[in-house]
Full PDB file with SEQRES, HELIX, SHEET, SSBOND, CRYST1, ORIGX, SCALE, CONECT and MASTER records, all heavy atoms in Angstrom:
SEQRES   1 A   39  SER SER VAL LEU VAL THR LEU THR ALA ARG GLU LEU ALA          
SEQRES   2 A   39  PRO ASN ALA LYS ILE VAL ALA THR VAL ARG GLU ALA ASP          
SEQRES   3 A   39  ASN LYS HIS LEU LEU LYS GLN SER GLY ALA ASP SER VAL          
HELIX    1 AA1 SER A    2  LEU A   12  1                                  11    
HELIX    2 AA2 ALA A   25  ASN A   27  5                                   3    
HELIX    3 AA3 LYS A   28  SER A   34  1                                   7    
CRYST1    1.000    1.000    1.000  90.00  90.00  90.00 P 1           1          
ORIGX1      1.000000  0.000000  0.000000        0.00000                         
ORIGX2      0.000000  1.000000  0.000000        0.00000                         
ORIGX3      0.000000  0.000000  1.000000        0.00000                         
SCALE1      1.000000  0.000000  0.000000        0.00000                         
SCALE2      0.000000  1.000000  0.000000        0.00000                         
SCALE3      0.000000  0.000000  1.000000        0.00000                         
ATOM      1  N   SER A   1      -2.612  -2.351  -9.517  1.00  0.00           N  
ATOM      2  CA  SER A   1      -2.348  -3.644  -8.865  1.00  0.00           C  
ATOM      3  C   SER A   1      -1.691  -3.440  -7.509  1.00  0.00           C  
ATOM      4  O   SER A   1      -2.014  -4.149  -6.543  1.00  0.00           O  
ATOM      5  CB  SER A   1      -1.458  -4.512  -9.748  1.00  0.00           C  
ATOM      6  OG  SER A   1      -2.099  -4.843 -10.952  1.00  0.00           O  
ATOM      7  N   SER A   2      -0.776  -2.478  -7.411  1.00  0.00           N  
ATOM      8  CA  SER A   2      -0.114  -2.198  -6.135  1.00  0.00           C  
ATOM      9  C   SER A   2      -1.122  -1.785  -5.076  1.00  0.00           C  
ATOM     10  O   SER A   2      -1.044  -2.203  -3.910  1.00  0.00           O  
ATOM     11  CB  SER A   2       0.934  -1.096  -6.313  1.00  0.00           C  
ATOM     12  OG  SER A   2       1.965  -1.515  -7.177  1.00  0.00           O  
ATOM     13  N   VAL A   3      -2.097  -0.958  -5.464  1.00  0.00           N  
ATOM     14  CA  VAL A   3      -3.124  -0.516  -4.513  1.00  0.00           C  
ATOM     15  C   VAL A   3      -3.957  -1.696  -4.029  1.00  0.00           C  
ATOM     16  O   VAL A   3      -4.211  -1.857  -2.825  1.00  0.00           O  
ATOM     17  CB  VAL A   3      -4.022   0.557  -5.166  1.00  0.00           C  
ATOM     18  CG1 VAL A   3      -5.203   0.880  -4.254  1.00  0.00           C  
ATOM     19  CG2 VAL A   3      -3.221   1.817  -5.450  1.00  0.00           C  
ATOM     20  N   LEU A   4      -4.385  -2.541  -4.951  1.00  0.00           N  
ATOM     21  CA  LEU A   4      -5.234  -3.676  -4.592  1.00  0.00           C  
ATOM     22  C   LEU A   4      -4.481  -4.690  -3.732  1.00  0.00           C  
ATOM     23  O   LEU A   4      -5.030  -5.228  -2.763  1.00  0.00           O  
ATOM     24  CB  LEU A   4      -5.773  -4.335  -5.857  1.00  0.00           C  
ATOM     25  CG  LEU A   4      -6.767  -3.493  -6.661  1.00  0.00           C  
ATOM     26  CD1 LEU A   4      -7.072  -4.159  -7.995  1.00  0.00           C  
ATOM     27  CD2 LEU A   4      -8.036  -3.266  -5.877  1.00  0.00           C  
ATOM     28  N   VAL A   5      -3.229  -4.953  -4.092  1.00  0.00           N  
ATOM     29  CA  VAL A   5      -2.431  -5.898  -3.299  1.00  0.00           C  
ATOM     30  C   VAL A   5      -2.190  -5.343  -1.898  1.00  0.00           C  
ATOM     31  O   VAL A   5      -2.307  -6.066  -0.900  1.00  0.00           O  
ATOM     32  CB  VAL A   5      -1.096  -6.195  -4.003  1.00  0.00           C  
ATOM     33  CG1 VAL A   5      -0.181  -6.995  -3.090  1.00  0.00           C  
ATOM     34  CG2 VAL A   5      -1.330  -6.950  -5.299  1.00  0.00           C  
ATOM     35  N   THR A   6      -1.871  -4.071  -1.806  1.00  0.00           N  
ATOM     36  CA  THR A   6      -1.634  -3.450  -0.503  1.00  0.00           C  
ATOM     37  C   THR A   6      -2.890  -3.482   0.350  1.00  0.00           C  
ATOM     38  O   THR A   6      -2.843  -3.771   1.555  1.00  0.00           O  
ATOM     39  CB  THR A   6      -1.160  -2.000  -0.681  1.00  0.00           C  
ATOM     40  OG1 THR A   6       0.027  -1.985  -1.477  1.00  0.00           O  
ATOM     41  CG2 THR A   6      -0.878  -1.346   0.658  1.00  0.00           C  
ATOM     42  N   LEU A   7      -4.023  -3.187  -0.259  1.00  0.00           N  
ATOM     43  CA  LEU A   7      -5.296  -3.206   0.465  1.00  0.00           C  
ATOM     44  C   LEU A   7      -5.595  -4.594   1.006  1.00  0.00           C  
ATOM     45  O   LEU A   7      -5.975  -4.757   2.177  1.00  0.00           O  
ATOM     46  CB  LEU A   7      -6.414  -2.748  -0.475  1.00  0.00           C  
ATOM     47  CG  LEU A   7      -7.835  -2.690   0.091  1.00  0.00           C  
ATOM     48  CD1 LEU A   7      -7.917  -1.662   1.205  1.00  0.00           C  
ATOM     49  CD2 LEU A   7      -8.827  -2.358  -1.013  1.00  0.00           C  
ATOM     50  N   THR A   8      -5.395  -5.605   0.179  1.00  0.00           N  
ATOM     51  CA  THR A   8      -5.661  -6.984   0.602  1.00  0.00           C  
ATOM     52  C   THR A   8      -4.674  -7.430   1.671  1.00  0.00           C  
ATOM     53  O   THR A   8      -5.053  -8.072   2.658  1.00  0.00           O  
ATOM     54  CB  THR A   8      -5.594  -7.932  -0.606  1.00  0.00           C  
ATOM     55  OG1 THR A   8      -6.440  -7.454  -1.638  1.00  0.00           O  
ATOM     56  CG2 THR A   8      -6.025  -9.335  -0.218  1.00  0.00           C  
ATOM     57  N   ALA A   9      -3.394  -7.095   1.481  1.00  0.00           N  
ATOM     58  CA  ALA A   9      -2.370  -7.500   2.449  1.00  0.00           C  
ATOM     59  C   ALA A   9      -2.594  -6.840   3.805  1.00  0.00           C  
ATOM     60  O   ALA A   9      -2.426  -7.483   4.849  1.00  0.00           O  
ATOM     61  CB  ALA A   9      -0.982  -7.147   1.918  1.00  0.00           C  
ATOM     62  N   ARG A  10      -2.981  -5.566   3.803  1.00  0.00           N  
ATOM     63  CA  ARG A  10      -3.208  -4.878   5.074  1.00  0.00           C  
ATOM     64  C   ARG A  10      -4.398  -5.458   5.809  1.00  0.00           C  
ATOM     65  O   ARG A  10      -4.396  -5.569   7.051  1.00  0.00           O  
ATOM     66  CB  ARG A  10      -3.418  -3.390   4.819  1.00  0.00           C  
ATOM     67  CG  ARG A  10      -3.728  -2.576   6.079  1.00  0.00           C  
ATOM     68  CD  ARG A  10      -2.686  -2.814   7.166  1.00  0.00           C  
ATOM     69  NE  ARG A  10      -1.401  -2.214   6.828  1.00  0.00           N  
ATOM     70  CZ  ARG A  10      -0.243  -2.595   7.333  1.00  0.00           C  
ATOM     71  NH1 ARG A  10      -0.197  -3.627   8.178  1.00  0.00           N  
ATOM     72  NH2 ARG A  10       0.879  -2.009   6.994  1.00  0.00           N  
ATOM     73  N   GLU A  11      -5.429  -5.860   5.078  1.00  0.00           N  
ATOM     74  CA  GLU A  11      -6.597  -6.471   5.714  1.00  0.00           C  
ATOM     75  C   GLU A  11      -6.235  -7.804   6.354  1.00  0.00           C  
ATOM     76  O   GLU A  11      -6.717  -8.134   7.446  1.00  0.00           O  
ATOM     77  CB  GLU A  11      -7.704  -6.657   4.688  1.00  0.00           C  
ATOM     78  CG  GLU A  11      -8.997  -7.210   5.279  1.00  0.00           C  
ATOM     79  CD  GLU A  11     -10.077  -7.402   4.233  1.00  0.00           C  
ATOM     80  OE1 GLU A  11      -9.740  -7.561   3.040  1.00  0.00           O  
ATOM     81  OE2 GLU A  11     -11.260  -7.415   4.614  1.00  0.00           O  
ATOM     82  N   LEU A  12      -5.371  -8.575   5.691  1.00  0.00           N  
ATOM     83  CA  LEU A  12      -4.991  -9.896   6.205  1.00  0.00           C  
ATOM     84  C   LEU A  12      -3.915  -9.818   7.276  1.00  0.00           C  
ATOM     85  O   LEU A  12      -3.869 -10.660   8.169  1.00  0.00           O  
ATOM     86  CB  LEU A  12      -4.500 -10.776   5.047  1.00  0.00           C  
ATOM     87  CG  LEU A  12      -5.522 -11.115   3.960  1.00  0.00           C  
ATOM     88  CD1 LEU A  12      -4.840 -11.876   2.825  1.00  0.00           C  
ATOM     89  CD2 LEU A  12      -6.668 -11.925   4.525  1.00  0.00           C  
ATOM     90  N   ALA A  13      -3.029  -8.836   7.171  1.00  0.00           N  
ATOM     91  CA  ALA A  13      -1.891  -8.732   8.104  1.00  0.00           C  
ATOM     92  C   ALA A  13      -1.821  -7.319   8.664  1.00  0.00           C  
ATOM     93  O   ALA A  13      -1.025  -6.493   8.200  1.00  0.00           O  
ATOM     94  CB  ALA A  13      -0.600  -9.100   7.393  1.00  0.00           C  
ATOM     95  N   PRO A  14      -2.638  -7.007   9.644  1.00  0.00           N  
ATOM     96  CA  PRO A  14      -2.679  -5.639  10.172  1.00  0.00           C  
ATOM     97  C   PRO A  14      -1.392  -5.193  10.846  1.00  0.00           C  
ATOM     98  O   PRO A  14      -1.138  -3.992  10.957  1.00  0.00           O  
ATOM     99  CB  PRO A  14      -3.844  -5.681  11.168  1.00  0.00           C  
ATOM    100  CG  PRO A  14      -4.023  -7.133  11.505  1.00  0.00           C  
ATOM    101  CD  PRO A  14      -3.620  -7.888  10.291  1.00  0.00           C  
ATOM    102  N   ASN A  15      -0.555  -6.134  11.285  1.00  0.00           N  
ATOM    103  CA  ASN A  15       0.669  -5.763  11.999  1.00  0.00           C  
ATOM    104  C   ASN A  15       1.924  -5.858  11.150  1.00  0.00           C  
ATOM    105  O   ASN A  15       3.011  -5.514  11.615  1.00  0.00           O  
ATOM    106  CB  ASN A  15       0.833  -6.650  13.235  1.00  0.00           C  
ATOM    107  CG  ASN A  15      -0.309  -6.481  14.225  1.00  0.00           C  
ATOM    108  OD1 ASN A  15      -0.796  -5.368  14.431  1.00  0.00           O  
ATOM    109  ND2 ASN A  15      -0.739  -7.571  14.840  1.00  0.00           N  
ATOM    110  N   ALA A  16       1.804  -6.327   9.926  1.00  0.00           N  
ATOM    111  CA  ALA A  16       2.983  -6.468   9.066  1.00  0.00           C  
ATOM    112  C   ALA A  16       3.418  -5.109   8.527  1.00  0.00           C  
ATOM    113  O   ALA A  16       2.594  -4.198   8.337  1.00  0.00           O  
ATOM    114  CB  ALA A  16       2.684  -7.420   7.913  1.00  0.00           C  
ATOM    115  N   LYS A  17       4.707  -4.978   8.266  1.00  0.00           N  
ATOM    116  CA  LYS A  17       5.231  -3.766   7.643  1.00  0.00           C  
ATOM    117  C   LYS A  17       5.105  -3.923   6.130  1.00  0.00           C  
ATOM    118  O   LYS A  17       5.640  -4.863   5.554  1.00  0.00           O  
ATOM    119  CB  LYS A  17       6.692  -3.554   8.022  1.00  0.00           C  
ATOM    120  CG  LYS A  17       7.293  -2.289   7.421  1.00  0.00           C  
ATOM    121  CD  LYS A  17       8.738  -2.113   7.845  1.00  0.00           C  
ATOM    122  CE  LYS A  17       9.327  -0.848   7.249  1.00  0.00           C  
ATOM    123  NZ  LYS A  17      10.754  -0.671   7.633  1.00  0.00           N  
ATOM    124  N   ILE A  18       4.390  -3.003   5.502  1.00  0.00           N  
ATOM    125  CA  ILE A  18       4.151  -3.083   4.064  1.00  0.00           C  
ATOM    126  C   ILE A  18       4.903  -1.961   3.362  1.00  0.00           C  
ATOM    127  O   ILE A  18       4.719  -0.782   3.678  1.00  0.00           O  
ATOM    128  CB  ILE A  18       2.653  -2.999   3.741  1.00  0.00           C  
ATOM    129  CG1 ILE A  18       1.896  -4.152   4.403  1.00  0.00           C  
ATOM    130  CG2 ILE A  18       2.429  -3.025   2.229  1.00  0.00           C  
ATOM    131  CD1 ILE A  18       0.404  -4.134   4.144  1.00  0.00           C  
ATOM    132  N   VAL A  19       5.771  -2.348   2.435  1.00  0.00           N  
ATOM    133  CA  VAL A  19       6.517  -1.396   1.612  1.00  0.00           C  
ATOM    134  C   VAL A  19       6.073  -1.597   0.177  1.00  0.00           C  
ATOM    135  O   VAL A  19       6.126  -2.718  -0.340  1.00  0.00           O  
ATOM    136  CB  VAL A  19       8.035  -1.614   1.747  1.00  0.00           C  
ATOM    137  CG1 VAL A  19       8.799  -0.584   0.910  1.00  0.00           C  
ATOM    138  CG2 VAL A  19       8.457  -1.516   3.203  1.00  0.00           C  
ATOM    139  N   ALA A  20       5.621  -0.509  -0.469  1.00  0.00           N  
ATOM    140  CA  ALA A  20       5.084  -0.620  -1.821  1.00  0.00           C  
ATOM    141  C   ALA A  20       5.765   0.376  -2.742  1.00  0.00           C  
ATOM    142  O   ALA A  20       6.356   1.366  -2.295  1.00  0.00           O  
ATOM    143  CB  ALA A  20       3.571  -0.383  -1.819  1.00  0.00           C  
ATOM    144  N   THR A  21       5.679   0.084  -4.023  1.00  0.00           N  
ATOM    145  CA  THR A  21       6.244   0.974  -5.033  1.00  0.00           C  
ATOM    146  C   THR A  21       5.167   1.352  -6.037  1.00  0.00           C  
ATOM    147  O   THR A  21       4.300   0.542  -6.362  1.00  0.00           O  
ATOM    148  CB  THR A  21       7.431   0.314  -5.759  1.00  0.00           C  
ATOM    149  OG1 THR A  21       7.902   1.195  -6.788  1.00  0.00           O  
ATOM    150  CG2 THR A  21       7.032  -0.995  -6.394  1.00  0.00           C  
ATOM    151  N   VAL A  22       5.211   2.609  -6.492  1.00  0.00           N  
ATOM    152  CA  VAL A  22       4.314   3.086  -7.537  1.00  0.00           C  
ATOM    153  C   VAL A  22       5.141   3.801  -8.595  1.00  0.00           C  
ATOM    154  O   VAL A  22       6.243   4.289  -8.322  1.00  0.00           O  
ATOM    155  CB  VAL A  22       3.233   4.044  -6.991  1.00  0.00           C  
ATOM    156  CG1 VAL A  22       2.245   3.319  -6.117  1.00  0.00           C  
ATOM    157  CG2 VAL A  22       3.874   5.203  -6.239  1.00  0.00           C  
ATOM    158  N   ARG A  23       4.598   3.858  -9.780  1.00  0.00           N  
ATOM    159  CA  ARG A  23       5.305   4.526 -10.869  1.00  0.00           C  
ATOM    160  C   ARG A  23       5.085   6.030 -10.838  1.00  0.00           C  
ATOM    161  O   ARG A  23       5.974   6.798 -11.171  1.00  0.00           O  
ATOM    162  CB  ARG A  23       4.854   3.941 -12.211  1.00  0.00           C  
ATOM    163  CG  ARG A  23       5.143   2.462 -12.370  1.00  0.00           C  
ATOM    164  CD  ARG A  23       4.586   1.923 -13.676  1.00  0.00           C  
ATOM    165  NE  ARG A  23       5.215   2.554 -14.826  1.00  0.00           N  
ATOM    166  CZ  ARG A  23       6.339   2.128 -15.393  1.00  0.00           C  
ATOM    167  NH1 ARG A  23       6.952   1.054 -14.909  1.00  0.00           N  
ATOM    168  NH2 ARG A  23       6.845   2.745 -16.433  1.00  0.00           N  
ATOM    169  N   GLU A  24       3.875   6.467 -10.481  1.00  0.00           N  
ATOM    170  CA  GLU A  24       3.523   7.881 -10.511  1.00  0.00           C  
ATOM    171  C   GLU A  24       3.349   8.424  -9.101  1.00  0.00           C  
ATOM    172  O   GLU A  24       2.707   7.792  -8.258  1.00  0.00           O  
ATOM    173  CB  GLU A  24       2.228   8.091 -11.307  1.00  0.00           C  
ATOM    174  CG  GLU A  24       2.297   7.576 -12.739  1.00  0.00           C  
ATOM    175  CD  GLU A  24       3.314   8.327 -13.573  1.00  0.00           C  
ATOM    176  OE1 GLU A  24       3.632   9.486 -13.244  1.00  0.00           O  
ATOM    177  OE2 GLU A  24       3.802   7.752 -14.574  1.00  0.00           O  
ATOM    178  N   ALA A  25       3.885   9.616  -8.852  1.00  0.00           N  
ATOM    179  CA  ALA A  25       3.790  10.229  -7.531  1.00  0.00           C  
ATOM    180  C   ALA A  25       2.348  10.556  -7.152  1.00  0.00           C  
ATOM    181  O   ALA A  25       2.004  10.607  -5.963  1.00  0.00           O  
ATOM    182  CB  ALA A  25       4.647  11.497  -7.493  1.00  0.00           C  
ATOM    183  N   ASP A  26       1.482  10.801  -8.149  1.00  0.00           N  
ATOM    184  CA  ASP A  26       0.087  11.129  -7.858  1.00  0.00           C  
ATOM    185  C   ASP A  26      -0.653   9.987  -7.175  1.00  0.00           C  
ATOM    186  O   ASP A  26      -1.696  10.212  -6.537  1.00  0.00           O  
ATOM    187  CB  ASP A  26      -0.645  11.489  -9.158  1.00  0.00           C  
ATOM    188  CG  ASP A  26      -0.127  12.786  -9.768  1.00  0.00           C  
ATOM    189  OD1 ASP A  26       0.511  13.565  -9.027  1.00  0.00           O  
ATOM    190  OD2 ASP A  26      -0.347  13.008 -10.974  1.00  0.00           O  
ATOM    191  N   ASN A  27      -0.133   8.768  -7.307  1.00  0.00           N  
ATOM    192  CA  ASN A  27      -0.797   7.607  -6.712  1.00  0.00           C  
ATOM    193  C   ASN A  27      -0.234   7.233  -5.343  1.00  0.00           C  
ATOM    194  O   ASN A  27      -0.683   6.251  -4.745  1.00  0.00           O  
ATOM    195  CB  ASN A  27      -0.677   6.401  -7.647  1.00  0.00           C  
ATOM    196  CG  ASN A  27      -1.394   6.623  -8.960  1.00  0.00           C  
ATOM    197  OD1 ASN A  27      -2.431   7.274  -9.006  1.00  0.00           O  
ATOM    198  ND2 ASN A  27      -0.837   6.088 -10.037  1.00  0.00           N  
ATOM    199  N   LYS A  28       0.714   8.008  -4.868  1.00  0.00           N  
ATOM    200  CA  LYS A  28       1.351   7.680  -3.592  1.00  0.00           C  
ATOM    201  C   LYS A  28       0.342   7.700  -2.450  1.00  0.00           C  
ATOM    202  O   LYS A  28       0.367   6.820  -1.577  1.00  0.00           O  
ATOM    203  CB  LYS A  28       2.490   8.667  -3.311  1.00  0.00           C  
ATOM    204  CG  LYS A  28       3.256   8.378  -2.035  1.00  0.00           C  
ATOM    205  CD  LYS A  28       4.437   9.330  -1.874  1.00  0.00           C  
ATOM    206  CE  LYS A  28       5.214   9.031  -0.593  1.00  0.00           C  
ATOM    207  NZ  LYS A  28       6.383   9.950  -0.446  1.00  0.00           N  
ATOM    208  N   HIS A  29      -0.568   8.698  -2.448  1.00  0.00           N  
ATOM    209  CA  HIS A  29      -1.526   8.795  -1.350  1.00  0.00           C  
ATOM    210  C   HIS A  29      -2.490   7.609  -1.343  1.00  0.00           C  
ATOM    211  O   HIS A  29      -2.999   7.213  -0.287  1.00  0.00           O  
ATOM    212  CB  HIS A  29      -2.298  10.114  -1.446  1.00  0.00           C  
ATOM    213  CG  HIS A  29      -3.292  10.157  -2.561  1.00  0.00           C  
ATOM    214  ND1 HIS A  29      -2.925  10.316  -3.888  1.00  0.00           N  
ATOM    215  CD2 HIS A  29      -4.656  10.030  -2.553  1.00  0.00           C  
ATOM    216  CE1 HIS A  29      -4.002  10.308  -4.652  1.00  0.00           C  
ATOM    217  NE2 HIS A  29      -5.057  10.131  -3.872  1.00  0.00           N  
ATOM    218  N   LEU A  30      -2.746   7.022  -2.531  1.00  0.00           N  
ATOM    219  CA  LEU A  30      -3.618   5.853  -2.583  1.00  0.00           C  
ATOM    220  C   LEU A  30      -2.983   4.670  -1.866  1.00  0.00           C  
ATOM    221  O   LEU A  30      -3.671   3.904  -1.179  1.00  0.00           O  
ATOM    222  CB  LEU A  30      -3.934   5.494  -4.032  1.00  0.00           C  
ATOM    223  CG  LEU A  30      -4.743   6.521  -4.833  1.00  0.00           C  
ATOM    224  CD1 LEU A  30      -4.894   6.059  -6.280  1.00  0.00           C  
ATOM    225  CD2 LEU A  30      -6.101   6.724  -4.191  1.00  0.00           C  
ATOM    226  N   LEU A  31      -1.684   4.506  -2.051  1.00  0.00           N  
ATOM    227  CA  LEU A  31      -0.974   3.420  -1.347  1.00  0.00           C  
ATOM    228  C   LEU A  31      -0.987   3.645   0.155  1.00  0.00           C  
ATOM    229  O   LEU A  31      -1.171   2.711   0.940  1.00  0.00           O  
ATOM    230  CB  LEU A  31       0.460   3.321  -1.859  1.00  0.00           C  
ATOM    231  CG  LEU A  31       0.761   2.369  -3.020  1.00  0.00           C  
ATOM    232  CD1 LEU A  31       0.472   0.933  -2.640  1.00  0.00           C  
ATOM    233  CD2 LEU A  31      -0.011   2.742  -4.256  1.00  0.00           C  
ATOM    234  N   LYS A  32      -0.811   4.911   0.567  1.00  0.00           N  
ATOM    235  CA  LYS A  32      -0.834   5.225   1.992  1.00  0.00           C  
ATOM    236  C   LYS A  32      -2.212   4.938   2.584  1.00  0.00           C  
ATOM    237  O   LYS A  32      -2.332   4.365   3.676  1.00  0.00           O  
ATOM    238  CB  LYS A  32      -0.471   6.700   2.201  1.00  0.00           C  
ATOM    239  CG  LYS A  32       1.005   7.009   2.005  1.00  0.00           C  
ATOM    240  CD  LYS A  32       1.831   6.483   3.176  1.00  0.00           C  
ATOM    241  CE  LYS A  32       3.269   6.955   3.097  1.00  0.00           C  
ATOM    242  NZ  LYS A  32       4.078   6.477   4.261  1.00  0.00           N  
ATOM    243  N   GLN A  33      -3.256   5.338   1.865  1.00  0.00           N  
ATOM    244  CA  GLN A  33      -4.611   5.087   2.344  1.00  0.00           C  
ATOM    245  C   GLN A  33      -4.935   3.602   2.379  1.00  0.00           C  
ATOM    246  O   GLN A  33      -5.738   3.150   3.203  1.00  0.00           O  
ATOM    247  CB  GLN A  33      -5.623   5.822   1.460  1.00  0.00           C  
ATOM    248  CG  GLN A  33      -5.581   7.338   1.590  1.00  0.00           C  
ATOM    249  CD  GLN A  33      -6.547   8.030   0.650  1.00  0.00           C  
ATOM    250  OE1 GLN A  33      -7.238   7.376  -0.137  1.00  0.00           O  
ATOM    251  NE2 GLN A  33      -6.604   9.357   0.724  1.00  0.00           N  
ATOM    252  N   SER A  34      -4.316   2.834   1.493  1.00  0.00           N  
ATOM    253  CA  SER A  34      -4.565   1.390   1.447  1.00  0.00           C  
ATOM    254  C   SER A  34      -3.847   0.638   2.549  1.00  0.00           C  
ATOM    255  O   SER A  34      -4.129  -0.545   2.762  1.00  0.00           O  
ATOM    256  CB  SER A  34      -4.155   0.836   0.079  1.00  0.00           C  
ATOM    257  OG  SER A  34      -4.896   1.441  -0.954  1.00  0.00           O  
ATOM    258  N   GLY A  35      -2.904   1.311   3.226  1.00  0.00           N  
ATOM    259  CA  GLY A  35      -2.246   0.666   4.364  1.00  0.00           C  
ATOM    260  C   GLY A  35      -0.751   0.494   4.246  1.00  0.00           C  
ATOM    261  O   GLY A  35      -0.135  -0.156   5.098  1.00  0.00           O  
ATOM    262  N   ALA A  36      -0.122   1.073   3.209  1.00  0.00           N  
ATOM    263  CA  ALA A  36       1.329   0.935   3.073  1.00  0.00           C  
ATOM    264  C   ALA A  36       2.040   1.795   4.106  1.00  0.00           C  
ATOM    265  O   ALA A  36       1.672   2.952   4.337  1.00  0.00           O  
ATOM    266  CB  ALA A  36       1.763   1.336   1.665  1.00  0.00           C  
ATOM    267  N   ASP A  37       3.064   1.241   4.748  1.00  0.00           N  
ATOM    268  CA  ASP A  37       3.873   2.003   5.706  1.00  0.00           C  
ATOM    269  C   ASP A  37       4.864   2.908   4.994  1.00  0.00           C  
ATOM    270  O   ASP A  37       5.136   4.021   5.452  1.00  0.00           O  
ATOM    271  CB  ASP A  37       4.625   1.035   6.634  1.00  0.00           C  
ATOM    272  CG  ASP A  37       3.671   0.196   7.462  1.00  0.00           C  
ATOM    273  OD1 ASP A  37       2.981   0.766   8.320  1.00  0.00           O  
ATOM    274  OD2 ASP A  37       3.609  -1.024   7.243  1.00  0.00           O  
ATOM    275  N   SER A  38       5.421   2.418   3.895  1.00  0.00           N  
ATOM    276  CA  SER A  38       6.375   3.201   3.111  1.00  0.00           C  
ATOM    277  C   SER A  38       6.036   3.034   1.633  1.00  0.00           C  
ATOM    278  O   SER A  38       5.661   1.946   1.202  1.00  0.00           O  
ATOM    279  CB  SER A  38       7.816   2.758   3.377  1.00  0.00           C  
ATOM    280  OG  SER A  38       8.142   2.879   4.745  1.00  0.00           O  
ATOM    281  N   VAL A  39       6.199   4.127   0.873  1.00  0.00           N  
ATOM    282  CA  VAL A  39       5.923   4.091  -0.553  1.00  0.00           C  
ATOM    283  C   VAL A  39       7.113   4.680  -1.296  1.00  0.00           C  
ATOM    284  O   VAL A  39       7.589   5.775  -0.962  1.00  0.00           O  
ATOM    285  CB  VAL A  39       4.648   4.882  -0.911  1.00  0.00           C  
ATOM    286  CG1 VAL A  39       4.400   4.837  -2.417  1.00  0.00           C  
ATOM    287  CG2 VAL A  39       3.444   4.331  -0.155  1.00  0.00           C  
TER     288      VAL A  39                                                      
MASTER        0    0    0    3    0    0    0    6  287    1    0    3          
END                                                                             
């Protein structure tokens, strides 16, 4: 859900600062690729 929300938010708000949280470190790169500034 974090990946999908981040992807949608980045598409709608390209200039907003997006901070996301994940439970597993292996998924951190997915959040970064989806547009999160900080994970």
